Amino acid sequence: MKIVLATLAFLCIPAAQAATPAELLAGYRAEAVKQSPGYKPSADAGAHLYSQRFTASGKMPSCASCHTNEPTRPGRHAVTDKAIKPLSPAANAERFTDPAKVEKWFRRNCTEVVGRECNAAEKADFIAFLTEGR
């Protein structure tokens, strides 16, 4: 029950209250540690998740399918052809600053690409890759 309440408190930060990628990473890390004591975010694991090919969608088999192999560059949605701003916070300061948007896009993109929701460790690794590895 405590995990659920902590997660809800983390996710219910008002949208007007900006967060930083480091704060979001810390929140996901804390949640992952509860599930797996000793867990530490890994930029390498995040890079692997980003480039890994999944079978959930033939048109979007990886994150790079839409966000390109270089997340500091703009991308295009593989299905709608809609322009996508760079994923990396180094190239797009708005990335990973709104907890509600971050959760929305993780939920949507993990479901469409990976075929399931991503867990806290995967989210932390992904943010570590985009902030530390890029």
Protein backbone atom coordinates (compact mmCIF):
# COMPACT_ATOMS: atom_id res chain seq x y z
CA MET A 1 0.00 0.00 0.00
CA LYS A 2 2.88 2.37 0.78
CA ILE A 3 4.31 1.83 -2.72
CA VAL A 4 0.95 2.68 -4.28
CA LEU A 5 0.61 5.84 -2.19
CA ALA A 6 4.18 6.94 -2.90
CA THR A 7 3.68 6.37 -6.62
CA LEU A 8 0.40 8.28 -6.61
CA ALA A 9 2.00 11.16 -4.73
CA PHE A 10 4.85 11.22 -7.26
CA LEU A 11 2.45 11.14 -10.22
CA CYS A 12 0.07 13.72 -8.79
CA ILE A 13 2.55 16.58 -8.85
CA PRO A 14 0.56 19.42 -10.43
CA ALA A 15 1.36 19.91 -14.12
CA ALA A 16 2.14 23.55 -13.37
CA GLN A 17 4.92 22.38 -11.07
CA ALA A 18 7.87 21.60 -13.28
CA ALA A 19 10.23 18.79 -12.47
CA THR A 20 13.70 18.10 -13.74
CA PRO A 21 14.88 14.95 -15.47
CA ALA A 22 17.06 14.28 -12.40
CA GLU A 23 14.02 14.48 -10.09
CA LEU A 24 12.02 12.12 -12.29
CA LEU A 25 14.97 9.74 -12.47
CA ALA A 26 15.24 9.82 -8.66
CA GLY A 27 11.53 9.03 -8.32
CA TYR A 28 11.67 6.08 -10.68
CA ARG A 29 14.87 4.87 -9.03
CA ALA A 30 13.22 4.98 -5.59
CA GLU A 31 10.26 3.00 -6.90
CA ALA A 32 12.58 0.45 -8.58
CA VAL A 33 14.65 0.03 -5.39
CA LYS A 34 11.48 -0.96 -3.53
CA GLN A 35 10.93 -3.70 -6.10
CA SER A 36 14.58 -4.70 -6.35
CA PRO A 37 16.84 -3.58 -3.46
CA GLY A 38 20.25 -2.42 -4.65
CA TYR A 39 18.97 -1.35 -8.07
CA LYS A 40 20.96 1.46 -9.71
CA PRO A 41 19.91 3.19 -12.94
CA SER A 42 22.02 2.24 -15.94
CA ALA A 43 22.49 4.45 -19.00
CA ASP A 44 23.71 1.32 -20.83
CA ALA A 45 20.50 -0.56 -20.02
CA GLY A 46 18.53 2.51 -21.14
CA ALA A 47 20.46 2.62 -24.44
CA HIS A 48 19.68 -1.07 -24.95
CA LEU A 49 15.97 -0.48 -24.27
CA TYR A 50 15.99 2.48 -26.69
CA SER A 51 17.50 0.52 -29.58
CA GLN A 52 16.08 -2.94 -28.83
CA ARG A 53 13.71 -4.33 -31.44
CA PHE A 54 10.42 -5.66 -30.09
CA THR A 55 7.68 -7.60 -31.87
CA ALA A 56 4.61 -5.71 -30.57
CA SER A 57 4.44 -3.50 -33.68
CA GLY A 58 5.84 -4.11 -37.13
CA LYS A 59 5.85 -0.38 -37.92
CA MET A 60 7.33 0.68 -34.56
CA PRO A 61 9.68 -2.10 -33.46
CA SER A 62 11.92 0.19 -31.39
CA CYS A 63 12.02 3.65 -29.81
CA ALA A 64 14.47 4.65 -32.55
CA SER A 65 11.82 3.86 -35.17
CA CYS A 66 10.26 7.24 -34.47
CA HIS A 67 12.92 9.05 -32.45
CA THR A 68 15.85 8.15 -34.77
CA ASN A 69 19.08 6.46 -33.75
CA GLU A 70 20.24 9.81 -32.38
CA PRO A 71 17.77 11.09 -29.73
CA THR A 72 19.23 14.62 -29.95
CA ARG A 73 17.71 14.94 -33.43
CA PRO A 74 14.07 15.44 -34.41
CA GLY A 75 12.12 12.35 -35.38
CA ARG A 76 8.94 11.36 -37.23
CA HIS A 77 6.18 9.09 -36.07
CA ALA A 78 6.45 5.88 -38.08
CA VAL A 79 2.68 5.58 -38.56
CA THR A 80 1.32 9.15 -38.67
CA ASP A 81 4.46 10.84 -40.08
CA LYS A 82 3.97 13.59 -37.48
CA ALA A 83 7.13 15.54 -36.58
CA ILE A 84 8.57 14.73 -33.15
CA LYS A 85 10.86 17.10 -31.27
CA PRO A 86 14.18 15.65 -30.06
CA LEU A 87 13.78 13.18 -27.22
CA SER A 88 17.00 14.09 -25.42
CA PRO A 89 16.73 16.84 -22.79
CA ALA A 90 20.10 18.10 -24.07
CA ALA A 91 18.40 19.08 -27.34
CA ASN A 92 14.88 19.74 -25.99
CA ALA A 93 14.77 21.34 -22.55
CA GLU A 94 11.04 20.54 -22.19
CA ARG A 95 11.64 16.78 -22.10
CA PHE A 96 11.12 15.06 -18.75
CA THR A 97 9.89 18.19 -16.96
CA ASP A 98 6.19 17.34 -16.56
CA PRO A 99 5.53 14.17 -14.54
CA ALA A 100 2.04 13.68 -15.97
CA LYS A 101 3.27 13.94 -19.56
CA VAL A 102 6.20 11.64 -18.84
CA GLU A 103 3.86 8.97 -17.47
CA LYS A 104 1.41 9.44 -20.35
CA TRP A 105 4.11 8.95 -22.97
CA PHE A 106 5.84 6.08 -21.18
CA ARG A 107 2.49 4.30 -20.88
CA ARG A 108 1.54 4.91 -24.52
CA ASN A 109 4.92 4.26 -26.10
CA CYS A 110 5.86 1.26 -23.97
CA THR A 111 2.51 -0.34 -24.73
CA GLU A 112 2.81 0.33 -28.47
CA VAL A 113 6.50 -0.53 -28.89
CA VAL A 114 7.41 -2.94 -26.08
CA GLY A 115 3.96 -4.51 -25.90
CA ARG A 116 3.45 -3.79 -22.19
CA GLU A 117 3.89 -0.97 -19.70
CA CYS A 118 7.49 -0.31 -18.74
CA ASN A 119 8.47 -0.83 -15.12
CA ALA A 120 10.14 1.76 -12.87
CA ALA A 121 13.64 0.39 -13.50
CA GLU A 122 13.18 0.60 -17.27
CA LYS A 123 11.93 4.17 -16.98
CA ALA A 124 14.88 5.13 -14.76
CA ASP A 125 17.34 3.45 -17.13
CA PHE A 126 15.75 5.21 -20.11
CA ILE A 127 16.02 8.64 -18.46
CA ALA A 128 19.58 7.85 -17.35
CA PHE A 129 20.48 7.04 -20.96
CA LEU A 130 18.98 10.28 -22.25
CA THR A 131 20.52 12.47 -19.55
CA GLU A 132 23.83 10.78 -18.73
CA GLY A 133 24.51 8.80 -21.87
CA ARG A 134 23.59 11.53 -24.38
